[in-house]
Amino acid sequence: MSNQLQERIAQFRKMANDDPDNELGHYRLGQLLMEAGDLDDAVRSFRRTLELSPQFSKVYQLLGTSLLQLKRRDEALKVLRDGFEVADERGDYVPRDEISKLLVQEGEPAPVSKKPQGGTDGGAAGGAAGDGFRCQRPGCFAGARARQLPRPPMNDALGQKIHASVCAECWDYWLRNLSIKVINEMRLDLSTDQGAEIYDQIMRETLGLT
């Protein structure tokens, strides 16, 4: 395991421990543990993420994949079937289709969608109609309600990328909620280069910009 990966795991383990109800910390920790090959701990992180955010369809895909790699096939198949239903209901078509591929690879019949094609790949269905914007943040809350920010939040290339990729609701959630948790729980000093770099990296990862 590289030193950089170890550092990232330590950062998000601290975030998850300091705030056990922070789904961001558990989700990113699970991803990094999965990358490091620590699948048992990754499974625990993904399960905690789903306890906090049971509609987070991407997590079912990652949890199912981890369980398959651990040879826990029956458990994995149940997670993947549940994940397909959640993703299909929400209109999260990218994770839904990836889950379907995993099931077929395991010799299972392809699940049948209960919804017509044409939704979004990242969030909740229902509620007021959006403006057709497709948010790239994993676990986007808005889904079909997604609306683009009226303007870039910053006057630089990153601001332009956020404007093109992240819906207004997810940006507001990051700005008013998650960013404060990141600063407080990781004790970041944004006046230093290191603090600003860590903050920027976590923001990119959280918003799906990496």
C-alpha atoms as a PDB file:
ATOM      1  CA  MET A   1       0.000   0.000   0.000  1.00  0.00           C
ATOM      2  CA  SER A   2       1.403   3.410  -0.942  1.00  0.00           C
ATOM      3  CA  ASN A   3       2.057   6.056   1.677  1.00  0.00           C
ATOM      4  CA  GLN A   4      -0.447   8.342  -0.022  1.00  0.00           C
ATOM      5  CA  LEU A   5      -3.200   5.729   0.188  1.00  0.00           C
ATOM      6  CA  GLN A   6      -2.373   5.094   3.844  1.00  0.00           C
ATOM      7  CA  GLU A   7      -2.657   8.820   4.533  1.00  0.00           C
ATOM      8  CA  ARG A   8      -6.019   9.038   2.761  1.00  0.00           C
ATOM      9  CA  ILE A   9      -7.338   6.063   4.732  1.00  0.00           C
ATOM     10  CA  ALA A  10      -6.176   7.654   7.976  1.00  0.00           C
ATOM     11  CA  GLN A  11      -7.867  10.952   7.073  1.00  0.00           C
ATOM     12  CA  PHE A  12     -11.235   9.405   6.340  1.00  0.00           C
ATOM     13  CA  ARG A  13     -11.021   6.940   9.219  1.00  0.00           C
ATOM     14  CA  LYS A  14     -10.605   9.942  11.483  1.00  0.00           C
ATOM     15  CA  MET A  15     -13.579  11.675   9.854  1.00  0.00           C
ATOM     16  CA  ALA A  16     -15.741   8.562  10.256  1.00  0.00           C
ATOM     17  CA  ASN A  17     -14.676   8.075  13.877  1.00  0.00           C
ATOM     18  CA  ASP A  18     -15.123  11.723  14.854  1.00  0.00           C
ATOM     19  CA  ASP A  19     -18.584  11.846  13.292  1.00  0.00           C
ATOM     20  CA  PRO A  20     -20.108   8.335  13.078  1.00  0.00           C
ATOM     21  CA  ASP A  21     -23.178   9.770  11.311  1.00  0.00           C
ATOM     22  CA  ASN A  22     -21.176  11.297   8.459  1.00  0.00           C
ATOM     23  CA  GLU A  23     -21.999   9.177   5.415  1.00  0.00           C
ATOM     24  CA  LEU A  24     -19.273  10.933   3.399  1.00  0.00           C
ATOM     25  CA  GLY A  25     -16.572   9.712   5.765  1.00  0.00           C
ATOM     26  CA  HIS A  26     -17.776   6.111   5.732  1.00  0.00           C
ATOM     27  CA  TYR A  27     -18.305   6.063   1.952  1.00  0.00           C
ATOM     28  CA  ARG A  28     -14.868   7.394   1.065  1.00  0.00           C
ATOM     29  CA  LEU A  29     -13.231   5.223   3.729  1.00  0.00           C
ATOM     30  CA  GLY A  30     -14.902   2.168   2.208  1.00  0.00           C
ATOM     31  CA  GLN A  31     -13.703   3.093  -1.276  1.00  0.00           C
ATOM     32  CA  LEU A  32     -10.118   3.591  -0.092  1.00  0.00           C
ATOM     33  CA  LEU A  33     -10.105   0.367   1.953  1.00  0.00           C
ATOM     34  CA  MET A  34     -11.434  -1.477  -1.086  1.00  0.00           C
ATOM     35  CA  GLU A  35      -8.600  -0.001  -3.160  1.00  0.00           C
ATOM     36  CA  ALA A  36      -6.121  -1.142  -0.511  1.00  0.00           C
ATOM     37  CA  GLY A  37      -7.526  -4.678  -0.553  1.00  0.00           C
ATOM     38  CA  ASP A  38      -8.851  -4.450   3.031  1.00  0.00           C
ATOM     39  CA  LEU A  39     -12.225  -5.842   2.011  1.00  0.00           C
ATOM     40  CA  ASP A  40     -13.583  -6.818   5.436  1.00  0.00           C
ATOM     41  CA  ASP A  41     -13.190  -3.265   6.707  1.00  0.00           C
ATOM     42  CA  ALA A  42     -14.513  -1.903   3.405  1.00  0.00           C
ATOM     43  CA  VAL A  43     -17.667  -3.991   3.842  1.00  0.00           C
ATOM     44  CA  ARG A  44     -18.178  -2.548   7.339  1.00  0.00           C
ATOM     45  CA  SER A  45     -17.776   0.995   6.017  1.00  0.00           C
ATOM     46  CA  PHE A  46     -20.202   0.450   3.146  1.00  0.00           C
ATOM     47  CA  ARG A  47     -22.779  -1.134   5.447  1.00  0.00           C
ATOM     48  CA  ARG A  48     -22.572   1.849   7.780  1.00  0.00           C
ATOM     49  CA  THR A  49     -22.997   4.171   4.797  1.00  0.00           C
ATOM     50  CA  LEU A  50     -26.198   2.371   3.836  1.00  0.00           C
ATOM     51  CA  GLU A  51     -27.476   2.561   7.409  1.00  0.00           C
ATOM     52  CA  LEU A  52     -27.106   6.335   7.169  1.00  0.00           C
ATOM     53  CA  SER A  53     -28.160   6.690   3.526  1.00  0.00           C
ATOM     54  CA  PRO A  54     -30.126   3.614   2.367  1.00  0.00           C
ATOM     55  CA  GLN A  55     -30.894   5.226  -1.017  1.00  0.00           C
ATOM     56  CA  PHE A  56     -27.202   5.628  -1.917  1.00  0.00           C
ATOM     57  CA  SER A  57     -27.342   3.178  -4.838  1.00  0.00           C
ATOM     58  CA  LYS A  58     -23.637   3.287  -5.779  1.00  0.00           C
ATOM     59  CA  VAL A  59     -22.777   1.828  -2.374  1.00  0.00           C
ATOM     60  CA  TYR A  60     -24.772  -1.346  -3.094  1.00  0.00           C
ATOM     61  CA  GLN A  61     -22.592  -1.888  -6.168  1.00  0.00           C
ATOM     62  CA  LEU A  62     -19.350  -1.436  -4.217  1.00  0.00           C
ATOM     63  CA  LEU A  63     -20.560  -3.499  -1.262  1.00  0.00           C
ATOM     64  CA  GLY A  64     -21.704  -6.315  -3.549  1.00  0.00           C
ATOM     65  CA  THR A  65     -18.372  -6.283  -5.393  1.00  0.00           C
ATOM     66  CA  SER A  66     -16.454  -6.460  -2.104  1.00  0.00           C
ATOM     67  CA  LEU A  67     -18.566  -9.370  -0.877  1.00  0.00           C
ATOM     68  CA  LEU A  68     -18.036 -11.259  -4.139  1.00  0.00           C
ATOM     69  CA  GLN A  69     -14.277 -10.809  -3.801  1.00  0.00           C
ATOM     70  CA  LEU A  70     -14.573 -12.213  -0.260  1.00  0.00           C
ATOM     71  CA  LYS A  71     -16.398 -15.268  -1.689  1.00  0.00           C
ATOM     72  CA  ARG A  72     -19.557 -14.344   0.237  1.00  0.00           C
ATOM     73  CA  ARG A  73     -21.710 -14.929  -2.822  1.00  0.00           C
ATOM     74  CA  ASP A  74     -25.164 -15.377  -1.285  1.00  0.00           C
ATOM     75  CA  GLU A  75     -24.744 -12.225   0.770  1.00  0.00           C
ATOM     76  CA  ALA A  76     -23.450 -10.354  -2.269  1.00  0.00           C
ATOM     77  CA  LEU A  77     -26.377 -11.406  -4.474  1.00  0.00           C
ATOM     78  CA  LYS A  78     -28.908 -10.153  -1.947  1.00  0.00           C
ATOM     79  CA  VAL A  79     -27.115  -6.796  -1.682  1.00  0.00           C
ATOM     80  CA  LEU A  80     -26.966  -6.478  -5.467  1.00  0.00           C
ATOM     81  CA  ARG A  81     -30.641  -7.348  -5.935  1.00  0.00           C
ATOM     82  CA  ASP A  82     -31.616  -4.802  -3.291  1.00  0.00           C
ATOM     83  CA  GLY A  83     -29.312  -2.269  -4.925  1.00  0.00           C
ATOM     84  CA  PHE A  84     -30.845  -2.815  -8.342  1.00  0.00           C
ATOM     85  CA  GLU A  85     -34.319  -2.072  -6.963  1.00  0.00           C
ATOM     86  CA  VAL A  86     -33.114   1.067  -5.181  1.00  0.00           C
ATOM     87  CA  ALA A  87     -31.198   2.342  -8.232  1.00  0.00           C
ATOM     88  CA  ASP A  88     -34.088   1.548 -10.575  1.00  0.00           C
ATOM     89  CA  GLU A  89     -36.635   3.293  -8.375  1.00  0.00           C
ATOM     90  CA  ARG A  90     -34.449   6.380  -8.015  1.00  0.00           C
ATOM     91  CA  GLY A  91     -33.501   6.558 -11.678  1.00  0.00           C
ATOM     92  CA  ASP A  92     -29.804   5.931 -10.937  1.00  0.00           C
ATOM     93  CA  TYR A  93     -29.202   4.158 -14.219  1.00  0.00           C
ATOM     94  CA  VAL A  94     -25.413   3.944 -14.210  1.00  0.00           C
ATOM     95  CA  PRO A  95     -25.088   2.016 -10.913  1.00  0.00           C
ATOM     96  CA  ARG A  96     -28.256   0.078 -11.774  1.00  0.00           C
ATOM     97  CA  ASP A  97     -26.737  -1.191 -15.030  1.00  0.00           C
ATOM     98  CA  GLU A  98     -23.404  -1.991 -13.363  1.00  0.00           C
ATOM     99  CA  ILE A  99     -25.248  -4.008 -10.697  1.00  0.00           C
ATOM    100  CA  SER A 100     -27.143  -5.865 -13.422  1.00  0.00           C
ATOM    101  CA  LYS A 101     -23.828  -6.774 -15.111  1.00  0.00           C
ATOM    102  CA  LEU A 102     -22.468  -8.130 -11.833  1.00  0.00           C
ATOM    103  CA  LEU A 103     -25.535 -10.329 -11.341  1.00  0.00           C
ATOM    104  CA  VAL A 104     -25.342 -11.690 -14.882  1.00  0.00           C
ATOM    105  CA  GLN A 105     -21.628 -12.420 -14.439  1.00  0.00           C
ATOM    106  CA  GLU A 106     -22.602 -14.537 -11.426  1.00  0.00           C
ATOM    107  CA  GLY A 107     -25.007 -16.559 -13.533  1.00  0.00           C
ATOM    108  CA  GLU A 108     -28.113 -14.804 -12.265  1.00  0.00           C
ATOM    109  CA  PRO A 109     -30.911 -13.641 -14.589  1.00  0.00           C
ATOM    110  CA  ALA A 110     -30.748  -9.968 -15.508  1.00  0.00           C
ATOM    111  CA  PRO A 111     -33.132  -8.000 -13.281  1.00  0.00           C
ATOM    112  CA  VAL A 112     -36.042  -6.356 -15.044  1.00  0.00           C
ATOM    113  CA  SER A 113     -36.465  -2.605 -14.735  1.00  0.00           C
ATOM    114  CA  LYS A 114     -39.801  -1.354 -13.459  1.00  0.00           C
ATOM    115  CA  LYS A 115     -39.215   2.041 -15.031  1.00  0.00           C
ATOM    116  CA  PRO A 116     -38.758   3.316 -18.585  1.00  0.00           C
ATOM    117  CA  GLN A 117     -35.337   4.497 -19.687  1.00  0.00           C
ATOM    118  CA  GLY A 118     -34.492   8.173 -19.643  1.00  0.00           C
ATOM    119  CA  GLY A 119     -33.807   9.107 -16.035  1.00  0.00           C
ATOM    120  CA  THR A 120     -30.714  10.438 -14.380  1.00  0.00           C
ATOM    121  CA  ASP A 121     -27.668   8.572 -13.155  1.00  0.00           C
ATOM    122  CA  GLY A 122     -27.328  10.121  -9.766  1.00  0.00           C
ATOM    123  CA  GLY A 123     -30.210  10.801  -7.427  1.00  0.00           C
ATOM    124  CA  ALA A 124     -33.691  10.649  -6.102  1.00  0.00           C
ATOM    125  CA  ALA A 125     -36.668  10.505  -8.359  1.00  0.00           C
ATOM    126  CA  GLY A 126     -39.860  12.287  -7.502  1.00  0.00           C
ATOM    127  CA  GLY A 127     -40.556  15.801  -6.352  1.00  0.00           C
ATOM    128  CA  ALA A 128     -40.619  18.844  -8.573  1.00  0.00           C
ATOM    129  CA  ALA A 129     -39.186  18.498 -12.055  1.00  0.00           C
ATOM    130  CA  GLY A 130     -35.687  19.803 -12.614  1.00  0.00           C
ATOM    131  CA  ASP A 131     -34.215  21.488 -15.660  1.00  0.00           C
ATOM    132  CA  GLY A 132     -32.694  18.355 -17.193  1.00  0.00           C
ATOM    133  CA  PHE A 133     -29.275  18.906 -15.580  1.00  0.00           C
ATOM    134  CA  ARG A 134     -27.292  15.707 -14.874  1.00  0.00           C
ATOM    135  CA  CYS A 135     -25.428  15.971 -11.585  1.00  0.00           C
ATOM    136  CA  GLN A 136     -22.221  13.930 -11.288  1.00  0.00           C
ATOM    137  CA  ARG A 137     -21.995  13.797  -7.482  1.00  0.00           C
ATOM    138  CA  PRO A 138     -22.210  10.215  -6.160  1.00  0.00           C
ATOM    139  CA  GLY A 139     -25.415   9.918  -4.170  1.00  0.00           C
ATOM    140  CA  CYS A 140     -26.906  13.146  -5.535  1.00  0.00           C
ATOM    141  CA  PHE A 141     -30.090  13.932  -3.598  1.00  0.00           C
ATOM    142  CA  ALA A 142     -31.824  15.814  -6.377  1.00  0.00           C
ATOM    143  CA  GLY A 143     -31.965  13.289  -9.219  1.00  0.00           C
ATOM    144  CA  ALA A 144     -34.784  14.262 -11.574  1.00  0.00           C
ATOM    145  CA  ARG A 145     -35.173  17.487  -9.578  1.00  0.00           C
ATOM    146  CA  ALA A 146     -31.589  18.551 -10.330  1.00  0.00           C
ATOM    147  CA  ARG A 147     -31.048  22.135 -11.408  1.00  0.00           C
ATOM    148  CA  GLN A 148     -27.838  23.737 -12.589  1.00  0.00           C
ATOM    149  CA  LEU A 149     -26.205  26.477 -10.557  1.00  0.00           C
ATOM    150  CA  PRO A 150     -27.083  29.869 -12.059  1.00  0.00           C
ATOM    151  CA  ARG A 151     -23.366  30.692 -12.346  1.00  0.00           C
ATOM    152  CA  PRO A 152     -19.976  29.166 -11.450  1.00  0.00           C
ATOM    153  CA  PRO A 153     -19.376  29.410  -7.672  1.00  0.00           C
ATOM    154  CA  MET A 154     -15.758  30.499  -8.223  1.00  0.00           C
ATOM    155  CA  ASN A 155     -14.055  32.462 -10.984  1.00  0.00           C
ATOM    156  CA  ASP A 156     -11.565  29.776 -11.958  1.00  0.00           C
ATOM    157  CA  ALA A 157     -11.373  26.457 -13.811  1.00  0.00           C
ATOM    158  CA  LEU A 158     -12.657  24.528 -10.776  1.00  0.00           C
ATOM    159  CA  GLY A 159     -15.652  26.838 -10.523  1.00  0.00           C
ATOM    160  CA  GLN A 160     -16.417  26.203 -14.181  1.00  0.00           C
ATOM    161  CA  LYS A 161     -16.153  22.440 -13.649  1.00  0.00           C
ATOM    162  CA  ILE A 162     -18.500  22.576 -10.648  1.00  0.00           C
ATOM    163  CA  HIS A 163     -20.979  24.609 -12.672  1.00  0.00           C
ATOM    164  CA  ALA A 164     -20.866  22.010 -15.461  1.00  0.00           C
ATOM    165  CA  SER A 165     -20.996  18.903 -13.249  1.00  0.00           C
ATOM    166  CA  VAL A 166     -22.670  19.567  -9.882  1.00  0.00           C
ATOM    167  CA  CYS A 167     -26.293  20.536  -9.276  1.00  0.00           C
ATOM    168  CA  ALA A 168     -27.315  23.474  -7.123  1.00  0.00           C
ATOM    169  CA  GLU A 169     -28.648  21.253  -4.314  1.00  0.00           C
ATOM    170  CA  CYS A 170     -25.465  19.203  -4.011  1.00  0.00           C
ATOM    171  CA  TRP A 171     -23.277  22.305  -4.068  1.00  0.00           C
ATOM    172  CA  ASP A 172     -25.414  23.852  -1.320  1.00  0.00           C
ATOM    173  CA  TYR A 173     -25.169  20.608   0.705  1.00  0.00           C
ATOM    174  CA  TRP A 174     -21.370  20.649   0.382  1.00  0.00           C
ATOM    175  CA  LEU A 175     -21.058  24.341   1.197  1.00  0.00           C
ATOM    176  CA  ARG A 176     -23.447  24.488   4.176  1.00  0.00           C
ATOM    177  CA  ASN A 177     -22.922  21.059   5.685  1.00  0.00           C
ATOM    178  CA  LEU A 178     -20.091  18.820   4.531  1.00  0.00           C
ATOM    179  CA  SER A 179     -17.402  21.480   4.101  1.00  0.00           C
ATOM    180  CA  ILE A 180     -17.841  22.576   7.716  1.00  0.00           C
ATOM    181  CA  LYS A 181     -17.555  18.971   8.897  1.00  0.00           C
ATOM    182  CA  VAL A 182     -14.410  18.463   6.838  1.00  0.00           C
ATOM    183  CA  ILE A 183     -12.744  21.565   8.272  1.00  0.00           C
ATOM    184  CA  ASN A 184     -13.739  20.842  11.877  1.00  0.00           C
ATOM    185  CA  GLU A 185     -13.263  17.080  12.003  1.00  0.00           C
ATOM    186  CA  MET A 186      -9.944  17.122  10.159  1.00  0.00           C
ATOM    187  CA  ARG A 187      -8.825  20.314  11.913  1.00  0.00           C
ATOM    188  CA  LEU A 188      -7.824  21.929   8.647  1.00  0.00           C
ATOM    189  CA  ASP A 189      -6.126  25.303   8.604  1.00  0.00           C
ATOM    190  CA  LEU A 190      -7.120  26.727   5.232  1.00  0.00           C
ATOM    191  CA  SER A 191      -4.497  29.473   5.533  1.00  0.00           C
ATOM    192  CA  THR A 192      -1.796  26.831   4.977  1.00  0.00           C
ATOM    193  CA  ASP A 193      -0.975  25.190   1.645  1.00  0.00           C
ATOM    194  CA  GLN A 194      -1.406  21.702   3.135  1.00  0.00           C
ATOM    195  CA  GLY A 195      -4.803  22.509   4.675  1.00  0.00           C
ATOM    196  CA  ALA A 196      -6.075  24.090   1.476  1.00  0.00           C
ATOM    197  CA  GLU A 197      -4.798  21.163  -0.607  1.00  0.00           C
ATOM    198  CA  ILE A 198      -6.533  18.555   1.595  1.00  0.00           C
ATOM    199  CA  TYR A 199      -9.765  20.575   1.595  1.00  0.00           C
ATOM    200  CA  ASP A 200      -9.676  20.927  -2.193  1.00  0.00           C
ATOM    201  CA  GLN A 201      -8.978  17.222  -2.696  1.00  0.00           C
ATOM    202  CA  ILE A 202     -11.855  16.140  -0.447  1.00  0.00           C
ATOM    203  CA  MET A 203     -14.200  18.597  -2.158  1.00  0.00           C
ATOM    204  CA  ARG A 204     -13.316  17.160  -5.572  1.00  0.00           C
ATOM    205  CA  GLU A 205     -13.797  13.597  -4.352  1.00  0.00           C
ATOM    206  CA  THR A 206     -17.092  14.415  -2.645  1.00  0.00           C
ATOM    207  CA  LEU A 207     -18.517  16.183  -5.678  1.00  0.00           C
ATOM    208  CA  GLY A 208     -17.409  13.476  -8.110  1.00  0.00           C
ATOM    209  CA  LEU A 209     -14.861  15.699  -9.859  1.00  0.00           C
ATOM    210  CA  THR A 210     -11.878  13.301  -9.641  1.00  0.00           C
END
